[in-house]
């Protein structure tokens, strides 16, 4: 799973003068890293208790950083959307320099390897043009986004949610920004759309491949295997098959 711990820690520390204490910064990095792994493996329906267990902190520590599960979910989704948008822009620069397939392939490979495609918000799929996202082609994150706050048991009610709680008014930590995921998803889709169009116009991409298809590829994952080497081999093989399917004449 991609790591953006340093960047996340800096953003999280900007909520009050002086930022977070060193131990609080460390805990926050652990929580965000664990959240990426847990949500990437189990979907956004995974409980906060599992995030806390992976981070080796108490669930109360997670809720001090984020007032509710939805805030953590939205933070992770927006973070990964931003990261993918930056990678898509870099790939578009390669495509614009006369190598459209290399740009698109590089974006797909890097995105799939990072695991970010499995952490994108459902808003991304809703914003895809209707003709590009028939219902049978749109993957939903495992677990229901609309009920992202569920599964936390009684912890939410027991944790402070007023001033000083992470993401609450006056708080010191990160939180998702309502509406931000929609704008970010639109920007990502627009950039990937330019990548697709350049590769298609150059005859290096099947004419029927859409932006939604490319996003499906980067979100795909093989079954989880106990052996790490076999897991990596399976992931590489799956990606090769999917990339081959995007090329003309297949």
Protein backbone atom coordinates (compact mmCIF):
# COMPACT_ATOMS: atom_id res chain seq x y z
CA UNK A 1 0.00 0.00 0.00
CA UNK A 2 1.20 3.45 -0.86
CA UNK A 3 2.60 5.49 2.00
CA UNK A 4 2.09 9.23 2.37
CA UNK A 5 2.76 9.36 6.09
CA UNK A 6 5.08 12.36 6.06
CA UNK A 7 2.73 14.53 4.03
CA UNK A 8 -0.28 13.48 6.08
CA UNK A 9 1.52 14.22 9.30
CA UNK A 10 2.40 17.73 8.14
CA UNK A 11 -1.16 18.47 7.10
CA UNK A 12 -2.53 17.08 10.33
CA UNK A 13 -0.26 19.24 12.41
CA UNK A 14 -1.51 22.47 10.89
CA UNK A 15 -4.74 22.65 12.89
CA UNK A 16 -3.34 24.71 15.78
CA UNK A 17 -0.26 26.75 16.58
CA UNK A 18 2.70 24.54 17.23
CA UNK A 19 1.04 21.48 15.70
CA UNK A 20 0.71 18.10 17.38
CA UNK A 21 3.03 16.70 20.01
CA UNK A 22 5.63 14.26 18.73
CA UNK A 23 3.82 11.26 20.19
CA UNK A 24 0.50 12.47 18.76
CA UNK A 25 2.10 12.89 15.32
CA UNK A 26 3.49 9.37 15.54
CA UNK A 27 0.10 7.95 16.53
CA UNK A 28 -1.58 9.81 13.69
CA UNK A 29 0.88 8.41 11.15
CA UNK A 30 0.22 4.92 12.48
CA UNK A 31 -3.56 5.42 12.31
CA UNK A 32 -3.46 6.70 8.72
CA UNK A 33 -1.14 3.92 7.60
CA UNK A 34 -3.35 1.30 9.25
CA UNK A 35 -6.49 2.86 7.78
CA UNK A 36 -5.07 2.67 4.24
CA UNK A 37 -4.22 -0.99 4.71
CA UNK A 38 -7.46 -2.01 6.42
CA UNK A 39 -9.77 -0.13 4.05
CA UNK A 40 -7.76 -1.30 1.04
CA UNK A 41 -8.15 -4.93 2.13
CA UNK A 42 -11.64 -4.93 3.63
CA UNK A 43 -13.34 -1.87 2.16
CA UNK A 44 -14.72 1.18 3.90
CA UNK A 45 -17.12 -1.01 5.86
CA UNK A 46 -14.25 -2.23 8.05
CA UNK A 47 -14.66 -1.25 11.72
CA UNK A 48 -12.61 1.42 13.44
CA UNK A 49 -11.56 -1.18 15.99
CA UNK A 50 -9.61 -2.99 13.26
CA UNK A 51 -7.88 0.24 12.27
CA UNK A 52 -6.92 0.81 15.91
CA UNK A 53 -5.68 -2.77 16.27
CA UNK A 54 -3.44 -2.47 13.18
CA UNK A 55 -2.17 0.91 14.37
CA UNK A 56 -1.48 -0.56 17.83
CA UNK A 57 -3.37 2.22 19.55
CA UNK A 58 -6.61 2.34 21.48
CA UNK A 59 -9.79 3.04 19.55
CA UNK A 60 -10.19 6.20 21.62
CA UNK A 61 -6.94 7.49 20.10
CA UNK A 62 -8.41 7.05 16.62
CA UNK A 63 -11.53 8.98 17.60
CA UNK A 64 -9.46 11.78 19.12
CA UNK A 65 -7.87 12.23 15.72
CA UNK A 66 -11.19 11.88 13.84
CA UNK A 67 -14.60 12.64 15.41
CA UNK A 68 -16.31 9.78 13.56
CA UNK A 69 -15.59 7.09 11.02
CA UNK A 70 -16.90 9.12 8.10
CA UNK A 71 -14.24 11.77 8.73
CA UNK A 72 -11.47 9.17 8.51
CA UNK A 73 -12.99 7.53 5.43
CA UNK A 74 -13.31 10.83 3.61
CA UNK A 75 -9.79 11.89 4.56
CA UNK A 76 -8.29 8.68 3.15
CA UNK A 77 -10.42 8.82 -0.02
CA UNK A 78 -9.54 12.46 -0.71
CA UNK A 79 -5.86 11.83 -0.01
CA UNK A 80 -5.71 8.93 -2.47
CA UNK A 81 -7.69 10.86 -5.10
CA UNK A 82 -5.20 13.74 -4.89
CA UNK A 83 -2.27 11.36 -5.20
CA UNK A 84 -3.75 9.64 -8.26
CA UNK A 85 -4.55 13.00 -9.88
CA UNK A 86 -0.90 14.03 -9.52
CA UNK A 87 0.24 10.74 -11.07
CA UNK A 88 -2.25 11.14 -13.92
CA UNK A 89 -0.93 14.64 -14.63
CA UNK A 90 2.63 13.28 -14.78
CA UNK A 91 1.48 10.54 -17.16
CA UNK A 92 -0.30 13.11 -19.32
CA UNK A 93 2.98 15.00 -19.68
CA UNK A 94 4.58 11.80 -21.02
CA UNK A 95 1.64 11.27 -23.39
CA UNK A 96 1.85 14.88 -24.58
CA UNK A 97 5.53 14.36 -25.38
CA UNK A 98 4.56 11.77 -28.01
CA UNK A 99 4.33 8.56 -25.98
CA UNK A 100 0.62 8.15 -25.16
CA UNK A 101 0.71 4.43 -24.40
CA UNK A 102 3.77 4.71 -22.19
CA UNK A 103 2.05 7.48 -20.27
CA UNK A 104 -1.17 5.53 -19.82
CA UNK A 105 0.57 2.25 -19.00
CA UNK A 106 2.83 3.97 -16.47
CA UNK A 107 -0.17 5.53 -14.76
CA UNK A 108 -2.00 2.22 -14.60
CA UNK A 109 0.99 0.29 -13.28
CA UNK A 110 1.92 2.87 -10.65
CA UNK A 111 -1.68 3.27 -9.51
CA UNK A 112 -2.29 -0.45 -9.26
CA UNK A 113 0.95 -0.99 -7.33
CA UNK A 114 0.06 1.75 -4.83
CA UNK A 115 -3.34 0.27 -4.04
CA UNK A 116 -4.89 3.74 -4.29
CA UNK A 117 -7.48 2.60 -6.81
CA UNK A 118 -9.12 0.48 -4.14
CA UNK A 119 -9.52 3.53 -1.88
CA UNK A 120 -11.33 5.86 -4.26
CA UNK A 121 -14.69 7.34 -3.21
CA UNK A 122 -17.94 6.22 -4.85
CA UNK A 123 -18.41 9.82 -6.03
CA UNK A 124 -15.81 9.05 -8.67
CA UNK A 125 -18.04 6.44 -10.26
CA UNK A 126 -21.13 8.61 -10.03
CA UNK A 127 -19.35 11.39 -11.91
CA UNK A 128 -18.23 9.15 -14.77
CA UNK A 129 -20.30 9.86 -17.90
CA UNK A 130 -23.40 7.66 -17.96
CA UNK A 131 -22.42 6.07 -21.25
CA UNK A 132 -19.08 5.04 -19.73
CA UNK A 133 -20.40 3.43 -16.58
CA UNK A 134 -23.12 0.87 -17.11
CA UNK A 135 -24.22 -0.52 -13.76
CA UNK A 136 -22.52 -3.82 -14.41
CA UNK A 137 -19.15 -2.06 -14.86
CA UNK A 138 -19.11 0.09 -11.76
CA UNK A 139 -17.34 -1.41 -8.73
CA UNK A 140 -18.49 -0.34 -5.28
CA UNK A 141 -16.11 -0.17 -2.38
CA UNK A 142 -16.76 -3.12 -0.10
CA UNK A 143 -18.98 -1.73 2.61
CA UNK A 144 -21.44 1.12 2.27
CA UNK A 145 -20.02 4.65 2.08
CA UNK A 146 -23.32 6.12 3.19
CA UNK A 147 -23.04 4.09 6.40
CA UNK A 148 -19.33 4.70 6.92
CA UNK A 149 -19.95 5.66 10.52
CA UNK A 150 -21.48 2.27 11.31
CA UNK A 151 -19.55 -0.57 12.85
CA UNK A 152 -17.84 1.51 15.51
CA UNK A 153 -19.94 0.13 18.32
CA UNK A 154 -20.43 2.48 21.22
CA UNK A 155 -17.04 4.14 20.88
CA UNK A 156 -18.31 7.18 19.00
CA UNK A 157 -20.68 8.20 21.76
CA UNK A 158 -17.98 7.78 24.37
CA UNK A 159 -15.42 9.98 22.66
CA UNK A 160 -15.21 13.73 22.83
CA UNK A 161 -16.59 15.41 19.72
CA UNK A 162 -16.49 19.08 20.72
CA UNK A 163 -13.62 21.59 20.51
CA UNK A 164 -10.27 19.78 20.52
CA UNK A 165 -11.54 16.61 18.83
CA UNK A 166 -9.76 15.93 15.56
CA UNK A 167 -11.70 17.32 12.60
CA UNK A 168 -14.21 19.17 14.82
CA UNK A 169 -14.29 22.99 14.85
CA UNK A 170 -11.16 24.06 16.64
CA UNK A 171 -9.67 20.58 16.44
CA UNK A 172 -6.10 19.80 15.59
CA UNK A 173 -6.28 16.90 13.20
CA UNK A 174 -7.35 16.05 9.67
CA UNK A 175 -10.88 15.47 8.57
CA UNK A 176 -12.64 14.97 5.26
CA UNK A 177 -14.15 18.04 3.63
CA UNK A 178 -17.74 17.51 2.45
CA UNK A 179 -17.89 18.21 -1.28
CA UNK A 180 -14.12 18.01 -1.68
CA UNK A 181 -14.24 14.39 -2.82
CA UNK A 182 -16.62 15.32 -5.67
CA UNK A 183 -14.35 18.09 -6.97
CA UNK A 184 -11.28 15.89 -6.61
CA UNK A 185 -12.94 12.98 -8.40
CA UNK A 186 -13.99 15.23 -11.28
CA UNK A 187 -10.42 16.49 -11.69
CA UNK A 188 -9.03 12.96 -11.64
CA UNK A 189 -11.54 11.70 -14.19
CA UNK A 190 -10.85 14.68 -16.46
CA UNK A 191 -7.10 14.07 -16.45
CA UNK A 192 -7.46 10.32 -17.02
CA UNK A 193 -9.93 11.13 -19.79
CA UNK A 194 -7.25 13.13 -21.60
CA UNK A 195 -4.84 10.20 -21.22
CA UNK A 196 -7.41 7.82 -22.69
CA UNK A 197 -8.21 10.13 -25.59
CA UNK A 198 -4.55 10.60 -26.53
CA UNK A 199 -3.86 6.86 -26.50
CA UNK A 200 -7.05 6.16 -28.45
CA UNK A 201 -6.30 8.83 -31.05
CA UNK A 202 -2.83 7.36 -31.53
CA UNK A 203 -4.33 3.94 -32.23
CA UNK A 204 -2.66 2.48 -29.15
CA UNK A 205 -5.85 1.88 -27.17
CA UNK A 206 -8.97 -0.07 -28.11
CA UNK A 207 -11.69 2.24 -29.41
CA UNK A 208 -14.26 0.94 -26.91
CA UNK A 209 -12.09 1.47 -23.80
CA UNK A 210 -13.46 4.18 -21.52
CA UNK A 211 -12.22 6.14 -18.53
CA UNK A 212 -14.34 3.88 -16.30
CA UNK A 213 -12.55 0.84 -17.76
CA UNK A 214 -9.15 2.29 -16.87
CA UNK A 215 -10.31 3.02 -13.33
CA UNK A 216 -11.58 -0.54 -13.04
CA UNK A 217 -8.14 -1.82 -13.98
CA UNK A 218 -6.34 0.19 -11.30
CA UNK A 219 -8.92 -0.88 -8.71
CA UNK A 220 -8.62 -4.58 -9.52
CA UNK A 221 -6.90 -6.89 -7.06
CA UNK A 222 -6.23 -10.64 -6.96
CA UNK A 223 -7.37 -12.77 -4.00
CA UNK A 224 -5.19 -12.29 -0.95
CA UNK A 225 -2.61 -15.07 -0.55
CA UNK A 226 -0.63 -16.01 2.53
CA UNK A 227 2.63 -16.19 0.60
CA UNK A 228 3.88 -12.68 -0.23
CA UNK A 229 5.80 -13.73 -3.34
CA UNK A 230 2.79 -15.57 -4.74
CA UNK A 231 0.67 -12.52 -3.96
CA UNK A 232 3.03 -10.24 -5.89
CA UNK A 233 3.21 -12.69 -8.81
CA UNK A 234 -0.58 -12.94 -8.96
CA UNK A 235 -0.96 -9.16 -8.88
CA UNK A 236 1.59 -8.74 -11.68
CA UNK A 237 -0.05 -11.43 -13.81
CA UNK A 238 -3.50 -9.90 -13.35
CA UNK A 239 -2.22 -6.48 -14.36
CA UNK A 240 -0.49 -7.87 -17.46
CA UNK A 241 -3.70 -9.58 -18.58
CA UNK A 242 -5.77 -6.44 -18.02
CA UNK A 243 -3.29 -4.18 -19.81
CA UNK A 244 -3.18 -6.54 -22.75
CA UNK A 245 -6.95 -6.31 -22.92
CA UNK A 246 -6.77 -2.54 -23.39
CA UNK A 247 -4.64 -2.77 -26.52
CA UNK A 248 -6.08 -2.76 -30.06
CA UNK A 249 -6.57 -6.12 -31.74
CA UNK A 250 -7.38 -7.97 -28.51
